[in-house]
N, C-alpha and C. Protein backbone atom coordinates (compact mmCIF):
# COMPACT_ATOMS: atom_id res chain seq x y z
N MET A 1 -4.71 37.47 -31.32
CA MET A 1 -4.84 36.05 -31.62
C MET A 1 -3.96 35.28 -30.66
N SER A 2 -4.46 34.17 -30.13
CA SER A 2 -3.73 33.39 -29.14
C SER A 2 -3.26 32.09 -29.74
N ASP A 3 -2.08 31.64 -29.30
CA ASP A 3 -1.56 30.36 -29.79
C ASP A 3 -1.99 29.19 -28.89
N GLY A 4 -2.83 29.46 -27.92
CA GLY A 4 -3.34 28.41 -27.05
C GLY A 4 -2.48 28.20 -25.81
N THR A 5 -1.36 28.92 -25.68
CA THR A 5 -0.52 28.73 -24.51
C THR A 5 -0.85 29.71 -23.40
N GLU A 6 -1.54 30.79 -23.70
CA GLU A 6 -1.90 31.76 -22.68
C GLU A 6 -3.14 31.30 -21.94
N GLN A 7 -3.17 31.56 -20.67
CA GLN A 7 -4.32 31.21 -19.84
C GLN A 7 -5.21 32.42 -19.69
N SER A 8 -6.49 32.27 -19.92
CA SER A 8 -7.41 33.38 -19.71
C SER A 8 -7.99 33.26 -18.31
N LYS A 9 -8.50 34.38 -17.79
CA LYS A 9 -9.11 34.36 -16.47
C LYS A 9 -10.39 33.53 -16.54
N PRO A 10 -10.61 32.68 -15.52
CA PRO A 10 -11.85 31.91 -15.54
C PRO A 10 -13.05 32.81 -15.34
N GLU A 11 -14.10 32.50 -16.07
CA GLU A 11 -15.34 33.23 -15.92
C GLU A 11 -16.17 32.53 -14.87
N ASN A 12 -17.21 33.14 -14.45
CA ASN A 12 -18.06 32.56 -13.42
C ASN A 12 -19.14 31.69 -14.03
N ASN A 13 -18.73 30.68 -14.78
CA ASN A 13 -19.70 29.70 -15.26
C ASN A 13 -19.18 28.30 -14.95
N ASP A 14 -20.06 27.33 -14.98
CA ASP A 14 -19.71 25.97 -14.56
C ASP A 14 -18.59 25.35 -15.37
N SER A 15 -18.52 25.58 -16.69
CA SER A 15 -17.49 24.94 -17.50
C SER A 15 -16.10 25.43 -17.14
N SER A 16 -15.93 26.71 -16.78
CA SER A 16 -14.61 27.20 -16.40
C SER A 16 -14.18 26.64 -15.05
N ILE A 17 -15.12 26.42 -14.16
CA ILE A 17 -14.79 25.82 -12.86
C ILE A 17 -14.31 24.39 -13.05
N ILE A 18 -14.97 23.64 -13.91
CA ILE A 18 -14.56 22.27 -14.19
C ILE A 18 -13.16 22.25 -14.80
N GLU A 19 -12.90 23.15 -15.75
CA GLU A 19 -11.59 23.19 -16.38
C GLU A 19 -10.49 23.53 -15.38
N SER A 20 -10.77 24.41 -14.42
CA SER A 20 -9.74 24.81 -13.47
C SER A 20 -9.36 23.66 -12.53
N LYS A 21 -10.22 22.65 -12.40
CA LYS A 21 -9.93 21.53 -11.52
C LYS A 21 -9.11 20.44 -12.22
N GLN A 22 -8.91 20.56 -13.53
CA GLN A 22 -8.11 19.56 -14.22
C GLN A 22 -6.67 19.68 -13.78
N LEU A 23 -6.02 18.52 -13.59
CA LEU A 23 -4.64 18.50 -13.14
C LEU A 23 -3.70 18.59 -14.33
N SER A 24 -2.52 19.13 -14.08
CA SER A 24 -1.49 19.13 -15.11
C SER A 24 -1.03 17.69 -15.31
N ASP A 25 -0.34 17.43 -16.41
CA ASP A 25 0.17 16.09 -16.68
C ASP A 25 1.09 15.62 -15.55
N GLU A 26 1.93 16.53 -15.04
CA GLU A 26 2.86 16.18 -13.97
C GLU A 26 2.11 15.83 -12.68
N HIS A 27 1.09 16.62 -12.36
CA HIS A 27 0.32 16.36 -11.14
C HIS A 27 -0.47 15.06 -11.27
N SER A 28 -0.98 14.79 -12.45
CA SER A 28 -1.71 13.55 -12.68
C SER A 28 -0.77 12.35 -12.54
N LEU A 29 0.44 12.48 -13.09
CA LEU A 29 1.44 11.41 -12.98
C LEU A 29 1.87 11.22 -11.53
N PHE A 30 2.06 12.33 -10.81
CA PHE A 30 2.38 12.25 -9.38
C PHE A 30 1.30 11.46 -8.64
N LEU A 31 0.06 11.75 -8.95
CA LEU A 31 -1.05 11.06 -8.29
C LEU A 31 -1.07 9.58 -8.66
N ASP A 32 -0.74 9.24 -9.92
CA ASP A 32 -0.63 7.83 -10.33
C ASP A 32 0.38 7.10 -9.46
N TYR A 33 1.57 7.68 -9.32
CA TYR A 33 2.61 7.06 -8.50
C TYR A 33 2.21 7.01 -7.03
N TYR A 34 1.59 8.08 -6.56
CA TYR A 34 1.19 8.13 -5.16
C TYR A 34 0.17 7.04 -4.83
N LEU A 35 -0.77 6.80 -5.71
CA LEU A 35 -1.78 5.78 -5.45
C LEU A 35 -1.23 4.37 -5.56
N GLN A 36 -0.05 4.21 -6.11
CA GLN A 36 0.61 2.90 -6.13
C GLN A 36 1.39 2.65 -4.84
N SER A 37 1.99 3.71 -4.29
CA SER A 37 2.89 3.52 -3.15
C SER A 37 2.44 4.21 -1.87
N PHE A 38 1.58 5.20 -1.97
CA PHE A 38 1.17 6.05 -0.85
C PHE A 38 2.38 6.71 -0.20
N ASN A 39 3.41 6.97 -1.01
CA ASN A 39 4.61 7.67 -0.54
C ASN A 39 4.77 8.93 -1.40
N GLY A 40 4.42 10.07 -0.82
CA GLY A 40 4.44 11.32 -1.56
C GLY A 40 5.83 11.73 -2.03
N THR A 41 6.82 11.56 -1.15
CA THR A 41 8.18 11.97 -1.50
C THR A 41 8.72 11.18 -2.69
N LYS A 42 8.61 9.86 -2.61
CA LYS A 42 9.11 9.02 -3.72
C LYS A 42 8.33 9.29 -5.00
N SER A 43 7.04 9.49 -4.87
CA SER A 43 6.21 9.78 -6.05
C SER A 43 6.63 11.08 -6.70
N TYR A 44 6.90 12.08 -5.88
CA TYR A 44 7.32 13.38 -6.40
C TYR A 44 8.67 13.26 -7.11
N MET A 45 9.59 12.48 -6.52
CA MET A 45 10.92 12.31 -7.11
C MET A 45 10.88 11.53 -8.42
N LYS A 46 9.87 10.69 -8.60
CA LYS A 46 9.73 9.98 -9.89
C LYS A 46 9.30 10.94 -10.99
N VAL A 47 8.46 11.89 -10.63
CA VAL A 47 7.99 12.86 -11.62
C VAL A 47 9.04 13.94 -11.86
N TYR A 48 9.70 14.35 -10.80
CA TYR A 48 10.72 15.40 -10.87
C TYR A 48 12.05 14.84 -10.34
N PRO A 49 12.78 14.08 -11.14
CA PRO A 49 13.97 13.37 -10.64
C PRO A 49 15.13 14.27 -10.22
N ASP A 50 15.17 15.51 -10.65
CA ASP A 50 16.28 16.39 -10.30
C ASP A 50 16.08 17.12 -8.96
N VAL A 51 14.98 16.88 -8.30
CA VAL A 51 14.66 17.56 -7.05
C VAL A 51 15.30 16.80 -5.89
N SER A 52 15.81 17.53 -4.91
CA SER A 52 16.41 16.89 -3.73
C SER A 52 15.32 16.20 -2.90
N TYR A 53 15.76 15.29 -2.05
CA TYR A 53 14.84 14.56 -1.20
C TYR A 53 14.04 15.52 -0.31
N GLU A 54 14.74 16.48 0.30
CA GLU A 54 14.08 17.43 1.21
C GLU A 54 13.04 18.26 0.47
N SER A 55 13.40 18.72 -0.73
CA SER A 55 12.44 19.50 -1.51
C SER A 55 11.24 18.66 -1.92
N ALA A 56 11.51 17.43 -2.35
CA ALA A 56 10.42 16.53 -2.75
C ALA A 56 9.49 16.26 -1.58
N ARG A 57 10.05 16.11 -0.40
CA ARG A 57 9.24 15.86 0.79
C ARG A 57 8.31 17.04 1.07
N ALA A 58 8.87 18.25 1.01
CA ALA A 58 8.07 19.44 1.29
C ALA A 58 7.04 19.70 0.19
N LEU A 59 7.47 19.58 -1.07
CA LEU A 59 6.58 19.89 -2.19
C LEU A 59 5.48 18.83 -2.36
N SER A 60 5.81 17.56 -2.08
CA SER A 60 4.76 16.53 -2.17
C SER A 60 3.71 16.75 -1.09
N SER A 61 4.16 17.19 0.07
CA SER A 61 3.22 17.48 1.15
C SER A 61 2.28 18.62 0.74
N LEU A 62 2.84 19.63 0.11
CA LEU A 62 2.00 20.73 -0.39
C LEU A 62 1.01 20.25 -1.45
N LEU A 63 1.51 19.41 -2.37
CA LEU A 63 0.62 18.90 -3.42
C LEU A 63 -0.54 18.11 -2.83
N LEU A 64 -0.24 17.32 -1.81
CA LEU A 64 -1.28 16.46 -1.23
C LEU A 64 -2.30 17.25 -0.41
N THR A 65 -2.04 18.54 -0.19
CA THR A 65 -3.04 19.38 0.48
C THR A 65 -3.77 20.27 -0.51
N ASN A 66 -3.40 20.21 -1.79
CA ASN A 66 -4.07 20.99 -2.84
C ASN A 66 -5.47 20.41 -3.02
N ILE A 67 -6.47 21.26 -2.95
CA ILE A 67 -7.87 20.80 -2.99
C ILE A 67 -8.20 20.04 -4.27
N ASN A 68 -7.63 20.46 -5.41
CA ASN A 68 -7.90 19.75 -6.66
C ASN A 68 -7.28 18.36 -6.65
N ILE A 69 -6.10 18.25 -6.08
CA ILE A 69 -5.44 16.94 -6.00
C ILE A 69 -6.18 16.05 -5.00
N ILE A 70 -6.62 16.63 -3.89
CA ILE A 70 -7.39 15.85 -2.90
C ILE A 70 -8.66 15.29 -3.55
N GLU A 71 -9.37 16.14 -4.27
CA GLU A 71 -10.61 15.70 -4.91
C GLU A 71 -10.34 14.62 -5.95
N GLU A 72 -9.30 14.79 -6.76
CA GLU A 72 -8.97 13.79 -7.77
C GLU A 72 -8.51 12.49 -7.13
N LYS A 73 -7.70 12.60 -6.07
CA LYS A 73 -7.25 11.41 -5.34
C LYS A 73 -8.46 10.64 -4.79
N ASN A 74 -9.37 11.35 -4.16
CA ASN A 74 -10.57 10.71 -3.61
C ASN A 74 -11.43 10.08 -4.71
N ARG A 75 -11.53 10.77 -5.85
CA ARG A 75 -12.30 10.23 -6.97
C ARG A 75 -11.66 8.93 -7.48
N ARG A 76 -10.33 8.95 -7.63
CA ARG A 76 -9.64 7.76 -8.12
C ARG A 76 -9.71 6.61 -7.13
N ILE A 77 -9.57 6.91 -5.84
CA ILE A 77 -9.67 5.86 -4.82
C ILE A 77 -11.06 5.25 -4.84
N LYS A 78 -12.08 6.08 -4.96
CA LYS A 78 -13.45 5.56 -5.03
C LYS A 78 -13.62 4.68 -6.26
N GLU A 79 -13.07 5.14 -7.38
CA GLU A 79 -13.16 4.36 -8.62
C GLU A 79 -12.44 3.01 -8.47
N ILE A 80 -11.27 3.04 -7.87
CA ILE A 80 -10.52 1.79 -7.64
C ILE A 80 -11.31 0.88 -6.72
N ARG A 81 -11.79 1.44 -5.61
CA ARG A 81 -12.53 0.65 -4.63
C ARG A 81 -13.79 0.05 -5.24
N ASP A 82 -14.48 0.84 -6.08
CA ASP A 82 -15.70 0.35 -6.71
C ASP A 82 -15.41 -0.73 -7.74
N ASN A 83 -14.20 -0.75 -8.28
CA ASN A 83 -13.85 -1.72 -9.32
C ASN A 83 -12.97 -2.86 -8.83
N ILE A 84 -12.77 -2.98 -7.53
CA ILE A 84 -11.95 -4.06 -7.00
C ILE A 84 -12.65 -5.38 -7.30
N PRO A 85 -11.91 -6.33 -7.89
CA PRO A 85 -12.53 -7.63 -8.13
C PRO A 85 -12.95 -8.28 -6.81
N ASN A 86 -14.03 -9.02 -6.86
CA ASN A 86 -14.57 -9.64 -5.65
C ASN A 86 -13.61 -10.64 -5.01
N GLU A 87 -12.58 -11.09 -5.74
CA GLU A 87 -11.65 -12.08 -5.16
C GLU A 87 -10.66 -11.44 -4.20
N ILE A 88 -10.37 -10.17 -4.34
CA ILE A 88 -9.31 -9.55 -3.53
C ILE A 88 -9.68 -9.49 -2.06
N ILE A 89 -10.88 -9.10 -1.74
CA ILE A 89 -11.27 -8.96 -0.34
C ILE A 89 -11.27 -10.31 0.37
N PRO A 90 -11.86 -11.38 -0.20
CA PRO A 90 -11.75 -12.68 0.49
C PRO A 90 -10.30 -13.16 0.61
N TYR A 91 -9.48 -12.86 -0.39
CA TYR A 91 -8.06 -13.23 -0.36
C TYR A 91 -7.37 -12.58 0.83
N LEU A 92 -7.58 -11.28 1.02
CA LEU A 92 -6.98 -10.58 2.15
C LEU A 92 -7.56 -11.08 3.47
N LYS A 93 -8.87 -11.38 3.50
CA LYS A 93 -9.47 -11.92 4.72
C LYS A 93 -8.85 -13.27 5.08
N ASN A 94 -8.58 -14.11 4.07
CA ASN A 94 -7.92 -15.39 4.33
C ASN A 94 -6.53 -15.19 4.91
N GLN A 95 -5.83 -14.18 4.43
CA GLN A 95 -4.49 -13.91 4.96
C GLN A 95 -4.56 -13.45 6.42
N ILE A 96 -5.65 -12.84 6.80
CA ILE A 96 -5.78 -12.37 8.17
C ILE A 96 -6.16 -13.51 9.11
N HIS A 97 -6.95 -14.45 8.63
CA HIS A 97 -7.53 -15.47 9.51
C HIS A 97 -6.87 -16.84 9.43
N PHE A 98 -5.67 -16.95 8.88
CA PHE A 98 -5.04 -18.26 8.81
C PHE A 98 -4.59 -18.71 10.20
N ASN A 99 -4.32 -20.01 10.32
CA ASN A 99 -3.88 -20.58 11.58
C ASN A 99 -2.58 -21.33 11.31
N ILE A 100 -1.56 -21.08 12.09
CA ILE A 100 -0.27 -21.73 11.88
C ILE A 100 -0.39 -23.26 12.00
N ALA A 101 -1.35 -23.73 12.76
CA ALA A 101 -1.55 -25.18 12.91
C ALA A 101 -1.89 -25.85 11.59
N ASP A 102 -2.39 -25.08 10.62
CA ASP A 102 -2.70 -25.64 9.30
C ASP A 102 -1.45 -26.12 8.57
N PHE A 103 -0.27 -25.73 9.04
CA PHE A 103 0.99 -26.08 8.37
C PHE A 103 1.84 -27.05 9.18
N LEU A 104 1.28 -27.56 10.27
CA LEU A 104 2.03 -28.45 11.14
C LEU A 104 1.46 -29.86 11.11
N ASP A 105 2.34 -30.85 11.37
CA ASP A 105 1.87 -32.24 11.46
C ASP A 105 1.34 -32.50 12.87
N GLU A 106 1.00 -33.75 13.15
CA GLU A 106 0.42 -34.10 14.45
C GLU A 106 1.38 -33.86 15.61
N ASP A 107 2.69 -33.87 15.32
CA ASP A 107 3.70 -33.66 16.36
C ASP A 107 4.05 -32.18 16.55
N GLY A 108 3.40 -31.32 15.79
CA GLY A 108 3.67 -29.89 15.90
C GLY A 108 4.86 -29.42 15.10
N LYS A 109 5.33 -30.25 14.17
CA LYS A 109 6.47 -29.88 13.33
C LYS A 109 5.97 -29.45 11.95
N PRO A 110 6.72 -28.59 11.27
CA PRO A 110 6.30 -28.15 9.93
C PRO A 110 6.12 -29.32 8.97
N ASP A 111 5.03 -29.33 8.24
CA ASP A 111 4.71 -30.38 7.27
C ASP A 111 4.86 -29.80 5.86
N MET A 112 5.89 -30.29 5.12
CA MET A 112 6.18 -29.75 3.79
C MET A 112 5.00 -29.89 2.84
N ASP A 113 4.28 -31.00 2.91
CA ASP A 113 3.13 -31.20 2.02
C ASP A 113 2.06 -30.13 2.27
N LYS A 114 1.81 -29.85 3.54
CA LYS A 114 0.81 -28.83 3.87
C LYS A 114 1.28 -27.44 3.44
N ILE A 115 2.58 -27.20 3.57
CA ILE A 115 3.12 -25.91 3.16
C ILE A 115 3.03 -25.75 1.65
N LYS A 116 3.42 -26.80 0.91
CA LYS A 116 3.39 -26.74 -0.56
C LYS A 116 1.98 -26.65 -1.10
N ASN A 117 1.04 -27.34 -0.48
CA ASN A 117 -0.34 -27.40 -0.97
C ASN A 117 -1.24 -26.35 -0.32
N ASN A 118 -0.66 -25.31 0.22
CA ASN A 118 -1.39 -24.24 0.85
C ASN A 118 -2.38 -23.62 -0.15
N PRO A 119 -3.67 -23.56 0.18
CA PRO A 119 -4.66 -23.02 -0.76
C PRO A 119 -4.67 -21.50 -0.87
N ILE A 120 -3.96 -20.81 0.05
CA ILE A 120 -3.97 -19.35 0.03
C ILE A 120 -2.63 -18.86 -0.54
N PRO A 121 -2.62 -18.39 -1.79
CA PRO A 121 -1.37 -17.95 -2.40
C PRO A 121 -0.74 -16.79 -1.63
N GLY A 122 0.58 -16.83 -1.49
CA GLY A 122 1.30 -15.75 -0.85
C GLY A 122 1.32 -15.81 0.66
N LEU A 123 0.66 -16.81 1.26
CA LEU A 123 0.60 -16.90 2.71
C LEU A 123 1.95 -17.29 3.31
N VAL A 124 2.65 -18.22 2.65
CA VAL A 124 3.98 -18.63 3.11
C VAL A 124 4.99 -17.78 2.34
N SER A 125 5.73 -16.94 3.07
CA SER A 125 6.65 -16.04 2.38
C SER A 125 8.01 -16.67 2.13
N SER A 126 8.43 -17.65 2.96
CA SER A 126 9.70 -18.33 2.72
C SER A 126 9.72 -19.67 3.44
N VAL A 127 10.48 -20.60 2.87
CA VAL A 127 10.68 -21.92 3.46
C VAL A 127 12.17 -22.21 3.43
N THR A 128 12.70 -22.71 4.55
CA THR A 128 14.11 -23.09 4.63
C THR A 128 14.18 -24.53 5.07
N VAL A 129 14.91 -25.32 4.28
CA VAL A 129 15.13 -26.73 4.63
C VAL A 129 16.62 -26.89 4.87
N LYS A 130 16.96 -27.36 6.07
CA LYS A 130 18.36 -27.52 6.43
C LYS A 130 18.57 -28.95 6.90
N GLU A 131 19.56 -29.60 6.30
CA GLU A 131 19.90 -30.96 6.71
C GLU A 131 21.21 -30.94 7.48
N ASP A 132 21.17 -31.52 8.68
CA ASP A 132 22.37 -31.65 9.51
C ASP A 132 22.72 -33.13 9.61
N THR A 133 23.96 -33.45 9.32
CA THR A 133 24.43 -34.82 9.42
C THR A 133 25.47 -34.88 10.52
N TYR A 134 25.30 -35.86 11.40
CA TYR A 134 26.27 -36.02 12.48
C TYR A 134 26.44 -37.51 12.75
N LYS A 135 27.54 -37.85 13.38
CA LYS A 135 27.85 -39.26 13.68
C LYS A 135 27.32 -39.62 15.04
N GLN A 136 26.82 -40.84 15.07
CA GLN A 136 26.38 -41.38 16.34
C GLN A 136 27.09 -42.73 16.49
N GLY A 137 27.88 -42.82 17.46
CA GLY A 137 28.68 -44.04 17.62
C GLY A 137 29.83 -44.04 16.63
N ASP A 138 30.30 -45.27 16.28
CA ASP A 138 31.45 -45.38 15.39
C ASP A 138 31.09 -45.26 13.92
N ASP A 139 30.02 -45.90 13.49
CA ASP A 139 29.72 -45.97 12.06
C ASP A 139 28.45 -45.25 11.64
N ALA A 140 27.54 -45.08 12.53
CA ALA A 140 26.22 -44.58 12.15
C ALA A 140 26.23 -43.07 11.93
N GLU A 141 25.72 -42.70 10.76
CA GLU A 141 25.51 -41.28 10.47
C GLU A 141 24.02 -41.00 10.50
N ILE A 142 23.66 -39.96 11.17
CA ILE A 142 22.25 -39.60 11.25
C ILE A 142 22.08 -38.24 10.58
N THR A 143 21.08 -38.19 9.70
CA THR A 143 20.76 -36.93 9.03
C THR A 143 19.43 -36.43 9.58
N LYS A 144 19.46 -35.23 10.07
CA LYS A 144 18.25 -34.63 10.62
C LYS A 144 17.86 -33.47 9.71
N THR A 145 16.60 -33.47 9.27
CA THR A 145 16.10 -32.41 8.40
C THR A 145 15.28 -31.44 9.24
N ASN A 146 15.68 -30.19 9.18
CA ASN A 146 14.95 -29.13 9.88
C ASN A 146 14.25 -28.26 8.85
N ILE A 147 12.97 -28.09 9.03
CA ILE A 147 12.18 -27.25 8.13
C ILE A 147 11.70 -26.05 8.93
N SER A 148 11.94 -24.89 8.39
CA SER A 148 11.38 -23.69 9.00
C SER A 148 10.70 -22.89 7.90
N PHE A 149 9.67 -22.17 8.27
CA PHE A 149 8.95 -21.38 7.28
C PHE A 149 8.49 -20.08 7.92
N LYS A 150 8.31 -19.10 7.07
CA LYS A 150 7.86 -17.79 7.53
C LYS A 150 6.54 -17.47 6.83
N LEU A 151 5.58 -17.05 7.61
CA LEU A 151 4.28 -16.66 7.07
C LEU A 151 4.21 -15.15 6.92
N ILE A 152 3.28 -14.71 6.11
CA ILE A 152 3.11 -13.27 5.91
C ILE A 152 2.68 -12.63 7.23
N ASP A 153 2.81 -11.33 7.29
CA ASP A 153 2.46 -10.56 8.47
C ASP A 153 0.96 -10.29 8.46
N GLN A 154 0.25 -10.91 9.41
CA GLN A 154 -1.21 -10.74 9.48
C GLN A 154 -1.59 -9.29 9.72
N GLN A 155 -0.82 -8.59 10.52
CA GLN A 155 -1.12 -7.19 10.82
C GLN A 155 -1.04 -6.35 9.55
N LYS A 156 -0.04 -6.62 8.70
CA LYS A 156 0.11 -5.89 7.45
C LYS A 156 -1.09 -6.17 6.52
N SER A 157 -1.53 -7.43 6.46
CA SER A 157 -2.70 -7.77 5.65
C SER A 157 -3.94 -7.05 6.15
N LEU A 158 -4.08 -6.97 7.47
CA LEU A 158 -5.22 -6.26 8.04
C LEU A 158 -5.15 -4.78 7.70
N GLU A 159 -3.95 -4.21 7.74
CA GLU A 159 -3.78 -2.80 7.38
C GLU A 159 -4.14 -2.56 5.91
N ILE A 160 -3.70 -3.45 5.03
CA ILE A 160 -4.01 -3.32 3.60
C ILE A 160 -5.51 -3.44 3.38
N LEU A 161 -6.13 -4.43 4.00
CA LEU A 161 -7.57 -4.61 3.87
C LEU A 161 -8.31 -3.37 4.37
N SER A 162 -7.86 -2.81 5.48
CA SER A 162 -8.49 -1.60 6.02
C SER A 162 -8.38 -0.43 5.05
N LYS A 163 -7.21 -0.33 4.38
CA LYS A 163 -7.04 0.74 3.40
C LYS A 163 -7.92 0.51 2.18
N VAL A 164 -7.99 -0.74 1.74
CA VAL A 164 -8.81 -1.07 0.57
C VAL A 164 -10.28 -0.75 0.85
N LEU A 165 -10.73 -1.14 2.02
CA LEU A 165 -12.13 -0.90 2.39
C LEU A 165 -12.36 0.51 2.93
N LYS A 166 -11.27 1.26 3.06
CA LYS A 166 -11.31 2.64 3.56
C LYS A 166 -12.01 2.68 4.92
N LEU A 167 -11.52 1.80 5.83
CA LEU A 167 -12.09 1.75 7.17
C LEU A 167 -11.56 2.85 8.06
N TYR A 168 -10.44 3.43 7.70
CA TYR A 168 -9.91 4.56 8.43
C TYR A 168 -9.23 5.51 7.47
N GLU A 169 -9.03 6.72 7.92
CA GLU A 169 -8.41 7.76 7.09
C GLU A 169 -7.01 8.05 7.61
N ASP A 170 -6.08 8.36 6.71
CA ASP A 170 -4.75 8.80 7.10
C ASP A 170 -4.77 10.26 7.51
N SER A 171 -5.75 11.00 7.02
CA SER A 171 -5.87 12.40 7.38
C SER A 171 -7.34 12.80 7.30
N ILE A 172 -7.64 13.87 7.97
CA ILE A 172 -9.00 14.40 7.96
C ILE A 172 -8.90 15.83 7.44
N THR A 173 -9.72 16.16 6.46
CA THR A 173 -9.75 17.52 5.93
C THR A 173 -11.02 18.19 6.42
N LEU A 174 -10.83 19.25 7.16
CA LEU A 174 -11.96 20.04 7.62
C LEU A 174 -12.09 21.20 6.65
N LYS A 175 -13.24 21.31 6.02
CA LYS A 175 -13.40 22.33 4.98
C LYS A 175 -14.04 23.58 5.56
N GLY A 176 -13.33 24.66 5.39
CA GLY A 176 -13.89 25.98 5.68
C GLY A 176 -14.22 26.56 4.33
N ASP A 177 -13.21 27.06 3.65
CA ASP A 177 -13.38 27.45 2.27
C ASP A 177 -12.34 26.69 1.45
N SER A 178 -12.58 26.57 0.16
CA SER A 178 -11.73 25.73 -0.68
C SER A 178 -10.32 26.28 -0.85
N SER A 179 -10.11 27.54 -0.55
CA SER A 179 -8.78 28.11 -0.73
C SER A 179 -7.85 27.76 0.41
N SER A 180 -8.38 27.40 1.58
CA SER A 180 -7.50 27.06 2.70
C SER A 180 -8.12 25.94 3.55
N PRO A 181 -8.08 24.70 3.04
CA PRO A 181 -8.58 23.59 3.85
C PRO A 181 -7.63 23.32 5.01
N PHE A 182 -8.15 22.80 6.06
CA PHE A 182 -7.36 22.47 7.25
C PHE A 182 -7.20 20.95 7.27
N VAL A 183 -5.96 20.45 7.30
CA VAL A 183 -5.71 19.02 7.23
C VAL A 183 -5.05 18.55 8.52
N ILE A 184 -5.58 17.49 9.11
CA ILE A 184 -4.98 16.87 10.29
C ILE A 184 -4.44 15.51 9.84
N ASN A 185 -3.13 15.29 9.99
CA ASN A 185 -2.55 14.01 9.65
C ASN A 185 -2.59 13.10 10.87
N LEU A 186 -3.11 11.90 10.67
CA LEU A 186 -3.18 10.92 11.74
C LEU A 186 -1.96 10.02 11.65
N VAL A 187 -1.24 9.91 12.74
CA VAL A 187 -0.02 9.10 12.78
C VAL A 187 -0.24 7.97 13.76
N PRO A 188 -0.04 6.70 13.33
CA PRO A 188 -0.22 5.59 14.27
C PRO A 188 0.83 5.66 15.39
N VAL A 189 0.39 5.37 16.59
CA VAL A 189 1.28 5.37 17.75
C VAL A 189 1.82 3.96 17.91
N LYS A 190 3.15 3.85 18.01
CA LYS A 190 3.78 2.54 18.20
C LYS A 190 4.03 2.33 19.68
N SER A 191 3.64 1.16 20.17
CA SER A 191 3.87 0.87 21.57
C SER A 191 5.30 0.39 21.78
N ASN A 192 5.79 0.52 22.99
CA ASN A 192 7.17 0.13 23.33
C ASN A 192 7.21 -1.23 23.99
N GLU A 193 6.32 -2.12 23.61
CA GLU A 193 6.29 -3.44 24.22
C GLU A 193 7.37 -4.32 23.69
């Protein structure tokens, strides 16, 4: 008689194959964290907090090459992509195609009204208003207001949109047999400009 904790050998029928692909609670939680951050090491350390950074880095890399985790990750990404609200993609496209001139007055200086009334949320990441007062002549004080603002990174928005639309892959899995898939990790090359 079994208490349900022993694992039996899988038989050669479809239901046992499906059961063998189910992830453990820890692996499922790891995948939840991974799909939020796309950082395997940090995700692994959230699930297993007592593991060293080096171990988490190595073990998360192994997990991400596990065929069952790859299949579940791809299934979840497809599910997320299929359920993305229609507003997100136009929102990201607006972040990519903005023009800095939309925030400037006729003299080419920052216009606070245009910055405040920006129709694209999150486009302006910070605004700094600095007032400098100095004397001109004997009695006259002049106050000069300098406005500076920082916009979001268009390249980052493009990268996020590309990931959402799955326009490129971070890795390619070449399948021979399911016990030993071959994975090529694609690393972006940074220019020295």
